[in-house]
Amino acid sequence: MAARDTNSWETAISKIEPHDLIVRGERMSELMGKASFAEVAYLILAGKRATPGQAKVLEALLISVMDHSIAPSSTVARLLASYGVPIQAAIAGGALTFGDIQGGAGQELARNLHSVVERVKAEGEVTDEALRLAAKEMVADARARRAPLDGFGHPQHDPDFRTPILLKLAKEQGVFAYHCALLTHLEDELAAAIGRRVGANIDGASAAILLDLDLKPDVARVLIVTPRTVGLAAHYLEEIEQGNTWRHVPVDQVAYTGPLPEDA
């Protein structure tokens, strides 16, 4: 395969024109005022127009993660605000807290859900029973490795109230398909295995829904980070309005565990 000329640039996303912008084959001038944020986001990410049902579900998903009070991401944004850091840098700092443990767990689950559904397809007809058995295997594998199941449980919501709302909407709008079904089976199989119900959290719900929206697994964190920037901006501005400066951990709350000099 011939090496790509890195001095040239190619994109199928958008094209600048003197008096307009072409976005995935659509004119920006025609999208403005006619399409919602979710519809244009889907167009850019998927390369095609969303159906009304897809747009409604995506809109609800984006709204569901727009803010979550004083969380790790907003804490960092507020800390940076108190140090006089520009708003865009504070938002970026807050967004950088999304990782494998907090805010980004849905990406790994999305990859796993996608892989399992593709395997079930390759083995034959995708039936509800086939998805249930696949879910049972996923739970057994996680327990054998003594590993947590990504996308399940929430330290502040038991269960996460957003998940049933989104899954119900996905059903109503014709978006609920193999991946959402697999997620619900995972909830059931996990409950059967551990003797109590630990529902899918917003990371889990978003992972299944984005796949049934025909988006790629790696879009998972995008759908969390993008709307959360609005919440981070609000926290930054509130911190400024409150007049807080130099937020820090008080000395009396820091436990020193290192060695002491002999005369201490």
C-alpha atoms as a PDB file:
ATOM      1  CA  MET A   1       0.000   0.000   0.000  1.00  0.00           C
ATOM      2  CA  ALA A   2       1.422   3.348  -1.065  1.00  0.00           C
ATOM      3  CA  ALA A   3       2.269   5.774   1.726  1.00  0.00           C
ATOM      4  CA  ARG A   4      -0.112   8.702   2.105  1.00  0.00           C
ATOM      5  CA  ASP A   5       1.299  12.133   1.327  1.00  0.00           C
ATOM      6  CA  THR A   6       1.182  13.743   4.777  1.00  0.00           C
ATOM      7  CA  ASN A   7       1.577  17.183   3.214  1.00  0.00           C
ATOM      8  CA  SER A   8      -1.925  16.916   1.753  1.00  0.00           C
ATOM      9  CA  TRP A   9      -5.178  16.818   3.704  1.00  0.00           C
ATOM     10  CA  GLU A  10      -8.412  15.011   2.918  1.00  0.00           C
ATOM     11  CA  THR A  11     -11.748  15.055   4.713  1.00  0.00           C
ATOM     12  CA  ALA A  12     -15.223  13.757   3.988  1.00  0.00           C
ATOM     13  CA  ILE A  13     -16.682  15.749   6.872  1.00  0.00           C
ATOM     14  CA  SER A  14     -17.008  19.288   5.591  1.00  0.00           C
ATOM     15  CA  LYS A  15     -15.978  21.629   2.789  1.00  0.00           C
ATOM     16  CA  ILE A  16     -15.547  25.388   2.942  1.00  0.00           C
ATOM     17  CA  GLU A  17     -17.176  27.432   0.185  1.00  0.00           C
ATOM     18  CA  PRO A  18     -17.074  31.227  -0.241  1.00  0.00           C
ATOM     19  CA  HIS A  19     -20.646  31.696   0.986  1.00  0.00           C
ATOM     20  CA  ASP A  20     -21.516  28.401   2.679  1.00  0.00           C
ATOM     21  CA  LEU A  21     -20.196  25.237   4.305  1.00  0.00           C
ATOM     22  CA  ILE A  22     -20.923  21.740   3.017  1.00  0.00           C
ATOM     23  CA  VAL A  23     -21.333  19.263   5.900  1.00  0.00           C
ATOM     24  CA  ARG A  24     -21.584  15.605   4.888  1.00  0.00           C
ATOM     25  CA  GLY A  25     -23.290  16.643   1.669  1.00  0.00           C
ATOM     26  CA  GLU A  26     -25.690  19.086   3.347  1.00  0.00           C
ATOM     27  CA  ARG A  27     -25.545  22.875   3.203  1.00  0.00           C
ATOM     28  CA  MET A  28     -24.959  24.502   6.587  1.00  0.00           C
ATOM     29  CA  SER A  29     -27.139  27.409   5.485  1.00  0.00           C
ATOM     30  CA  GLU A  30     -30.051  24.971   5.125  1.00  0.00           C
ATOM     31  CA  LEU A  31     -29.353  23.120   8.377  1.00  0.00           C
ATOM     32  CA  MET A  32     -29.349  26.323  10.423  1.00  0.00           C
ATOM     33  CA  GLY A  33     -32.752  26.936  11.939  1.00  0.00           C
ATOM     34  CA  LYS A  34     -34.135  23.663  10.578  1.00  0.00           C
ATOM     35  CA  ALA A  35     -32.079  20.913  12.225  1.00  0.00           C
ATOM     36  CA  SER A  36     -31.455  20.369  15.942  1.00  0.00           C
ATOM     37  CA  PHE A  37     -28.030  20.096  17.557  1.00  0.00           C
ATOM     38  CA  ALA A  38     -28.537  16.329  17.913  1.00  0.00           C
ATOM     39  CA  GLU A  39     -29.471  15.968  14.240  1.00  0.00           C
ATOM     40  CA  VAL A  40     -26.364  17.803  13.041  1.00  0.00           C
ATOM     41  CA  ALA A  41     -24.160  15.959  15.549  1.00  0.00           C
ATOM     42  CA  TYR A  42     -25.485  12.669  14.187  1.00  0.00           C
ATOM     43  CA  LEU A  43     -24.944  13.840  10.617  1.00  0.00           C
ATOM     44  CA  ILE A  44     -21.319  14.721  11.352  1.00  0.00           C
ATOM     45  CA  LEU A  45     -20.548  11.556  13.332  1.00  0.00           C
ATOM     46  CA  ALA A  46     -22.517   9.003  11.288  1.00  0.00           C
ATOM     47  CA  GLY A  47     -22.234  10.642   7.884  1.00  0.00           C
ATOM     48  CA  LYS A  48     -25.973  10.426   7.303  1.00  0.00           C
ATOM     49  CA  ARG A  49     -29.218  12.017   8.432  1.00  0.00           C
ATOM     50  CA  ALA A  50     -30.815  10.740  11.623  1.00  0.00           C
ATOM     51  CA  THR A  51     -34.383   9.516  11.555  1.00  0.00           C
ATOM     52  CA  PRO A  52     -36.761  11.519  13.771  1.00  0.00           C
ATOM     53  CA  GLY A  53     -36.636   8.699  16.333  1.00  0.00           C
ATOM     54  CA  GLN A  54     -32.841   8.536  16.321  1.00  0.00           C
ATOM     55  CA  ALA A  55     -32.607  12.303  16.750  1.00  0.00           C
ATOM     56  CA  LYS A  56     -35.030  12.265  19.685  1.00  0.00           C
ATOM     57  CA  VAL A  57     -33.124   9.509  21.500  1.00  0.00           C
ATOM     58  CA  LEU A  58     -29.753  11.157  20.871  1.00  0.00           C
ATOM     59  CA  GLU A  59     -31.114  14.491  22.110  1.00  0.00           C
ATOM     60  CA  ALA A  60     -32.303  12.848  25.333  1.00  0.00           C
ATOM     61  CA  LEU A  61     -28.935  11.148  25.801  1.00  0.00           C
ATOM     62  CA  LEU A  62     -27.056  14.423  25.347  1.00  0.00           C
ATOM     63  CA  ILE A  63     -29.339  16.153  27.861  1.00  0.00           C
ATOM     64  CA  SER A  64     -28.972  13.352  30.421  1.00  0.00           C
ATOM     65  CA  VAL A  65     -25.240  13.962  30.898  1.00  0.00           C
ATOM     66  CA  MET A  66     -25.096  17.742  30.571  1.00  0.00           C
ATOM     67  CA  ASP A  67     -24.305  18.216  34.263  1.00  0.00           C
ATOM     68  CA  HIS A  68     -23.873  16.175  37.443  1.00  0.00           C
ATOM     69  CA  SER A  69     -23.337  18.757  40.198  1.00  0.00           C
ATOM     70  CA  ILE A  70     -19.953  18.786  41.963  1.00  0.00           C
ATOM     71  CA  ALA A  71     -18.318  15.831  40.242  1.00  0.00           C
ATOM     72  CA  PRO A  72     -14.641  15.190  39.427  1.00  0.00           C
ATOM     73  CA  SER A  73     -14.889  17.055  36.114  1.00  0.00           C
ATOM     74  CA  SER A  74     -16.649  20.123  37.532  1.00  0.00           C
ATOM     75  CA  THR A  75     -14.341  20.141  40.568  1.00  0.00           C
ATOM     76  CA  VAL A  76     -11.319  20.464  38.285  1.00  0.00           C
ATOM     77  CA  ALA A  77     -13.011  23.153  36.186  1.00  0.00           C
ATOM     78  CA  ARG A  78     -13.850  25.131  39.337  1.00  0.00           C
ATOM     79  CA  LEU A  79     -10.332  24.724  40.734  1.00  0.00           C
ATOM     80  CA  LEU A  80      -8.878  26.091  37.519  1.00  0.00           C
ATOM     81  CA  ALA A  81     -11.374  28.964  37.544  1.00  0.00           C
ATOM     82  CA  SER A  82     -10.175  29.924  41.024  1.00  0.00           C
ATOM     83  CA  TYR A  83      -6.600  30.138  39.711  1.00  0.00           C
ATOM     84  CA  GLY A  84      -7.454  32.584  36.932  1.00  0.00           C
ATOM     85  CA  VAL A  85      -7.223  30.012  34.136  1.00  0.00           C
ATOM     86  CA  PRO A  86      -9.164  30.905  30.930  1.00  0.00           C
ATOM     87  CA  ILE A  87     -12.573  29.261  30.564  1.00  0.00           C
ATOM     88  CA  GLN A  88     -11.636  27.083  27.581  1.00  0.00           C
ATOM     89  CA  ALA A  89      -8.627  25.678  29.454  1.00  0.00           C
ATOM     90  CA  ALA A  90     -10.752  24.984  32.541  1.00  0.00           C
ATOM     91  CA  ILE A  91     -13.354  23.174  30.431  1.00  0.00           C
ATOM     92  CA  ALA A  92     -10.589  21.136  28.799  1.00  0.00           C
ATOM     93  CA  GLY A  93      -9.153  20.326  32.224  1.00  0.00           C
ATOM     94  CA  GLY A  94     -12.518  19.111  33.446  1.00  0.00           C
ATOM     95  CA  ALA A  95     -13.030  17.020  30.326  1.00  0.00           C
ATOM     96  CA  LEU A  96      -9.642  15.376  30.843  1.00  0.00           C
ATOM     97  CA  THR A  97     -10.979  13.686  33.998  1.00  0.00           C
ATOM     98  CA  PHE A  98     -13.120  11.338  31.912  1.00  0.00           C
ATOM     99  CA  GLY A  99     -11.300   8.019  31.884  1.00  0.00           C
ATOM    100  CA  ASP A 100     -11.754   4.291  32.311  1.00  0.00           C
ATOM    101  CA  ILE A 101     -13.160   4.657  35.832  1.00  0.00           C
ATOM    102  CA  GLN A 102     -15.155   7.896  35.735  1.00  0.00           C
ATOM    103  CA  GLY A 103     -17.180   9.091  32.771  1.00  0.00           C
ATOM    104  CA  GLY A 104     -15.480   6.930  30.164  1.00  0.00           C
ATOM    105  CA  ALA A 105     -16.406   3.382  31.158  1.00  0.00           C
ATOM    106  CA  GLY A 106     -18.997   3.260  28.398  1.00  0.00           C
ATOM    107  CA  GLN A 107     -16.341   3.112  25.697  1.00  0.00           C
ATOM    108  CA  GLU A 108     -14.982  -0.279  26.752  1.00  0.00           C
ATOM    109  CA  LEU A 109     -18.498  -1.616  27.253  1.00  0.00           C
ATOM    110  CA  ALA A 110     -19.499  -0.344  23.802  1.00  0.00           C
ATOM    111  CA  ARG A 111     -16.579  -2.225  22.279  1.00  0.00           C
ATOM    112  CA  ASN A 112     -17.538  -5.373  24.178  1.00  0.00           C
ATOM    113  CA  LEU A 113     -21.232  -5.146  23.281  1.00  0.00           C
ATOM    114  CA  HIS A 114     -20.343  -4.600  19.635  1.00  0.00           C
ATOM    115  CA  SER A 115     -17.922  -7.543  19.620  1.00  0.00           C
ATOM    116  CA  VAL A 116     -20.418  -9.894  21.282  1.00  0.00           C
ATOM    117  CA  VAL A 117     -23.292  -8.969  18.960  1.00  0.00           C
ATOM    118  CA  GLU A 118     -21.053  -9.441  15.921  1.00  0.00           C
ATOM    119  CA  ARG A 119     -20.045 -12.872  17.239  1.00  0.00           C
ATOM    120  CA  VAL A 120     -23.671 -13.869  17.787  1.00  0.00           C
ATOM    121  CA  LYS A 121     -24.468 -12.745  14.231  1.00  0.00           C
ATOM    122  CA  ALA A 122     -21.615 -14.837  12.865  1.00  0.00           C
ATOM    123  CA  GLU A 123     -22.848 -17.915  14.727  1.00  0.00           C
ATOM    124  CA  GLY A 124     -26.346 -17.753  13.286  1.00  0.00           C
ATOM    125  CA  GLU A 125     -29.667 -16.038  13.845  1.00  0.00           C
ATOM    126  CA  VAL A 126     -29.670 -13.320  16.497  1.00  0.00           C
ATOM    127  CA  THR A 127     -32.441 -14.367  18.866  1.00  0.00           C
ATOM    128  CA  ASP A 128     -33.343 -13.053  22.292  1.00  0.00           C
ATOM    129  CA  GLU A 129     -32.192 -16.350  23.792  1.00  0.00           C
ATOM    130  CA  ALA A 130     -28.847 -16.107  21.992  1.00  0.00           C
ATOM    131  CA  LEU A 131     -28.340 -12.623  23.442  1.00  0.00           C
ATOM    132  CA  ARG A 132     -29.311 -13.836  26.921  1.00  0.00           C
ATOM    133  CA  LEU A 133     -26.762 -16.656  26.748  1.00  0.00           C
ATOM    134  CA  ALA A 134     -24.124 -14.213  25.517  1.00  0.00           C
ATOM    135  CA  ALA A 135     -24.904 -11.932  28.468  1.00  0.00           C
ATOM    136  CA  LYS A 136     -24.589 -14.861  30.858  1.00  0.00           C
ATOM    137  CA  GLU A 137     -21.152 -15.649  29.417  1.00  0.00           C
ATOM    138  CA  MET A 138     -20.056 -12.005  29.776  1.00  0.00           C
ATOM    139  CA  VAL A 139     -21.061 -11.946  33.446  1.00  0.00           C
ATOM    140  CA  ALA A 140     -19.378 -15.295  34.129  1.00  0.00           C
ATOM    141  CA  ASP A 141     -16.190 -14.111  32.441  1.00  0.00           C
ATOM    142  CA  ALA A 142     -16.078 -10.890  34.467  1.00  0.00           C
ATOM    143  CA  ARG A 143     -16.651 -12.777  37.716  1.00  0.00           C
ATOM    144  CA  ALA A 144     -13.992 -15.360  36.849  1.00  0.00           C
ATOM    145  CA  ARG A 145     -11.509 -12.523  36.359  1.00  0.00           C
ATOM    146  CA  ARG A 146     -12.776 -10.772  39.508  1.00  0.00           C
ATOM    147  CA  ALA A 147     -13.284  -7.731  37.327  1.00  0.00           C
ATOM    148  CA  PRO A 148     -16.127  -5.225  37.566  1.00  0.00           C
ATOM    149  CA  LEU A 149     -18.625  -5.141  34.733  1.00  0.00           C
ATOM    150  CA  ASP A 150     -18.134  -1.828  32.939  1.00  0.00           C
ATOM    151  CA  GLY A 151     -21.221   0.368  32.793  1.00  0.00           C
ATOM    152  CA  PHE A 152     -23.011  -0.997  35.865  1.00  0.00           C
ATOM    153  CA  GLY A 153     -23.685   0.542  39.264  1.00  0.00           C
ATOM    154  CA  HIS A 154     -23.485   4.161  40.386  1.00  0.00           C
ATOM    155  CA  PRO A 155     -22.183   5.524  43.715  1.00  0.00           C
ATOM    156  CA  GLN A 156     -24.886   8.208  43.906  1.00  0.00           C
ATOM    157  CA  HIS A 157     -27.865   6.695  42.081  1.00  0.00           C
ATOM    158  CA  ASP A 158     -29.182   3.253  43.004  1.00  0.00           C
ATOM    159  CA  PRO A 159     -30.345   2.586  40.381  1.00  0.00           C
ATOM    160  CA  ASP A 160     -29.307   5.238  37.857  1.00  0.00           C
ATOM    161  CA  PHE A 161     -32.643   6.899  37.059  1.00  0.00           C
ATOM    162  CA  ARG A 162     -31.505   7.929  33.575  1.00  0.00           C
ATOM    163  CA  THR A 163     -31.100   4.402  32.217  1.00  0.00           C
ATOM    164  CA  PRO A 164     -34.754   3.231  32.237  1.00  0.00           C
ATOM    165  CA  ILE A 165     -35.894   6.576  30.838  1.00  0.00           C
ATOM    166  CA  LEU A 166     -33.482   6.328  27.906  1.00  0.00           C
ATOM    167  CA  LEU A 167     -34.175   2.643  27.213  1.00  0.00           C
ATOM    168  CA  LYS A 168     -37.941   3.255  27.304  1.00  0.00           C
ATOM    169  CA  LEU A 169     -37.552   6.138  24.871  1.00  0.00           C
ATOM    170  CA  ALA A 170     -35.326   3.988  22.642  1.00  0.00           C
ATOM    171  CA  LYS A 171     -38.103   1.375  22.497  1.00  0.00           C
ATOM    172  CA  GLU A 172     -40.773   3.952  21.753  1.00  0.00           C
ATOM    173  CA  GLN A 173     -38.701   5.504  18.960  1.00  0.00           C
ATOM    174  CA  GLY A 174     -37.681   2.221  17.320  1.00  0.00           C
ATOM    175  CA  VAL A 175     -34.012   2.541  18.290  1.00  0.00           C
ATOM    176  CA  PHE A 176     -33.912  -0.309  20.834  1.00  0.00           C
ATOM    177  CA  ALA A 177     -32.208  -3.240  19.069  1.00  0.00           C
ATOM    178  CA  TYR A 178     -29.601  -5.957  19.687  1.00  0.00           C
ATOM    179  CA  HIS A 179     -27.223  -3.923  21.858  1.00  0.00           C
ATOM    180  CA  CYS A 180     -29.910  -2.489  24.132  1.00  0.00           C
ATOM    181  CA  ALA A 181     -31.404  -5.974  24.448  1.00  0.00           C
ATOM    182  CA  LEU A 182     -27.991  -7.374  25.373  1.00  0.00           C
ATOM    183  CA  LEU A 183     -27.610  -4.656  28.016  1.00  0.00           C
ATOM    184  CA  THR A 184     -30.942  -5.538  29.639  1.00  0.00           C
ATOM    185  CA  HIS A 185     -29.960  -9.215  29.656  1.00  0.00           C
ATOM    186  CA  LEU A 186     -26.686  -8.238  31.326  1.00  0.00           C
ATOM    187  CA  GLU A 187     -28.675  -6.540  34.087  1.00  0.00           C
ATOM    188  CA  ASP A 188     -30.727  -9.698  34.617  1.00  0.00           C
ATOM    189  CA  GLU A 189     -27.781 -12.101  34.484  1.00  0.00           C
ATOM    190  CA  LEU A 190     -25.687  -9.963  36.815  1.00  0.00           C
ATOM    191  CA  ALA A 191     -28.552  -9.864  39.323  1.00  0.00           C
ATOM    192  CA  ALA A 192     -28.926 -13.644  39.113  1.00  0.00           C
ATOM    193  CA  ALA A 193     -25.196 -14.141  39.654  1.00  0.00           C
ATOM    194  CA  ILE A 194     -24.713 -11.853  42.658  1.00  0.00           C
ATOM    195  CA  GLY A 195     -28.146 -12.057  44.268  1.00  0.00           C
ATOM    196  CA  ARG A 196     -29.004  -8.377  44.009  1.00  0.00           C
ATOM    197  CA  ARG A 197     -29.829  -5.976  41.216  1.00  0.00           C
ATOM    198  CA  VAL A 198     -27.137  -3.578  40.033  1.00  0.00           C
ATOM    199  CA  GLY A 199     -28.569  -1.627  37.148  1.00  0.00           C
ATOM    200  CA  ALA A 200     -26.768  -0.248  34.132  1.00  0.00           C
ATOM    201  CA  ASN A 201     -25.574   3.304  34.693  1.00  0.00           C
ATOM    202  CA  ILE A 202     -25.539   6.158  32.194  1.00  0.00           C
ATOM    203  CA  ASP A 203     -22.245   4.895  30.728  1.00  0.00           C
ATOM    204  CA  GLY A 204     -23.842   1.507  30.108  1.00  0.00           C
ATOM    205  CA  ALA A 205     -27.030   2.967  28.671  1.00  0.00           C
ATOM    206  CA  SER A 206     -25.151   5.326  26.362  1.00  0.00           C
ATOM    207  CA  ALA A 207     -22.896   2.485  25.156  1.00  0.00           C
ATOM    208  CA  ALA A 208     -25.827   0.307  24.099  1.00  0.00           C
ATOM    209  CA  ILE A 209     -27.877   3.154  22.670  1.00  0.00           C
ATOM    210  CA  LEU A 210     -25.083   4.638  20.571  1.00  0.00           C
ATOM    211  CA  LEU A 211     -24.508   1.235  18.952  1.00  0.00           C
ATOM    212  CA  ASP A 212     -28.206   0.842  18.195  1.00  0.00           C
ATOM    213  CA  LEU A 213     -28.039   4.357  16.751  1.00  0.00           C
ATOM    214  CA  ASP A 214     -25.521   2.881  14.293  1.00  0.00           C
ATOM    215  CA  LEU A 215     -22.621   4.890  15.707  1.00  0.00           C
ATOM    216  CA  LYS A 216     -19.117   3.539  16.304  1.00  0.00           C
ATOM    217  CA  PRO A 217     -18.043   2.286  19.769  1.00  0.00           C
ATOM    218  CA  ASP A 218     -15.365   4.965  20.047  1.00  0.00           C
ATOM    219  CA  VAL A 219     -18.075   7.644  19.973  1.00  0.00           C
ATOM    220  CA  ALA A 220     -19.035   6.668  23.553  1.00  0.00           C
ATOM    221  CA  ARG A 221     -16.898   9.255  25.310  1.00  0.00           C
ATOM    222  CA  VAL A 222     -17.787  11.890  22.738  1.00  0.00           C
ATOM    223  CA  LEU A 223     -21.445  11.632  23.745  1.00  0.00           C
ATOM    224  CA  ILE A 224     -20.496  12.185  27.394  1.00  0.00           C
ATOM    225  CA  VAL A 225     -17.833  14.880  27.040  1.00  0.00           C
ATOM    226  CA  THR A 226     -19.561  17.046  24.418  1.00  0.00           C
ATOM    227  CA  PRO A 227     -22.718  17.930  26.385  1.00  0.00           C
ATOM    228  CA  ARG A 228     -20.833  18.049  29.689  1.00  0.00           C
ATOM    229  CA  THR A 229     -18.797  21.013  28.416  1.00  0.00           C
ATOM    230  CA  VAL A 230     -21.946  23.103  28.898  1.00  0.00           C
ATOM    231  CA  GLY A 231     -22.145  22.060  32.543  1.00  0.00           C
ATOM    232  CA  LEU A 232     -18.424  22.666  33.018  1.00  0.00           C
ATOM    233  CA  ALA A 233     -18.809  26.172  31.596  1.00  0.00           C
ATOM    234  CA  ALA A 234     -21.641  26.880  34.040  1.00  0.00           C
ATOM    235  CA  HIS A 235     -19.539  25.666  36.992  1.00  0.00           C
ATOM    236  CA  TYR A 236     -16.596  27.807  35.846  1.00  0.00           C
ATOM    237  CA  LEU A 237     -18.782  30.906  35.596  1.00  0.00           C
ATOM    238  CA  GLU A 238     -20.413  30.231  38.973  1.00  0.00           C
ATOM    239  CA  GLU A 239     -17.005  29.859  40.611  1.00  0.00           C
ATOM    240  CA  ILE A 240     -15.997  33.241  39.197  1.00  0.00           C
ATOM    241  CA  GLU A 241     -19.272  34.837  40.320  1.00  0.00           C
ATOM    242  CA  GLN A 242     -18.762  33.472  43.844  1.00  0.00           C
ATOM    243  CA  GLY A 243     -15.396  35.224  43.954  1.00  0.00           C
ATOM    244  CA  ASN A 244     -13.473  32.103  44.914  1.00  0.00           C
ATOM    245  CA  THR A 245      -9.702  32.260  44.473  1.00  0.00           C
ATOM    246  CA  TRP A 246      -6.884  29.785  45.028  1.00  0.00           C
ATOM    247  CA  ARG A 247      -8.998  26.766  45.928  1.00  0.00           C
ATOM    248  CA  HIS A 248      -6.752  24.237  47.659  1.00  0.00           C
ATOM    249  CA  VAL A 249      -6.647  21.411  50.179  1.00  0.00           C
ATOM    250  CA  PRO A 250      -6.208  22.857  53.703  1.00  0.00           C
ATOM    251  CA  VAL A 251      -2.959  21.877  55.407  1.00  0.00           C
ATOM    252  CA  ASP A 252      -4.807  20.254  58.320  1.00  0.00           C
ATOM    253  CA  GLN A 253      -6.485  17.872  55.876  1.00  0.00           C
ATOM    254  CA  VAL A 254      -3.201  16.564  54.449  1.00  0.00           C
ATOM    255  CA  ALA A 255      -1.729  13.554  56.263  1.00  0.00           C
ATOM    256  CA  TYR A 256       2.052  13.374  55.919  1.00  0.00           C
ATOM    257  CA  THR A 257       3.260   9.746  55.770  1.00  0.00           C
ATOM    258  CA  GLY A 258       6.936  10.288  55.021  1.00  0.00           C
ATOM    259  CA  PRO A 259       9.928  10.166  57.398  1.00  0.00           C
ATOM    260  CA  LEU A 260      10.553  12.880  59.995  1.00  0.00           C
ATOM    261  CA  PRO A 261      13.859  14.460  60.996  1.00  0.00           C
ATOM    262  CA  GLU A 262      15.366  13.158  64.233  1.00  0.00           C
ATOM    263  CA  ASP A 263      14.645  16.363  66.147  1.00  0.00           C
ATOM    264  CA  ALA A 264      10.937  16.386  65.218  1.00  0.00           C
END
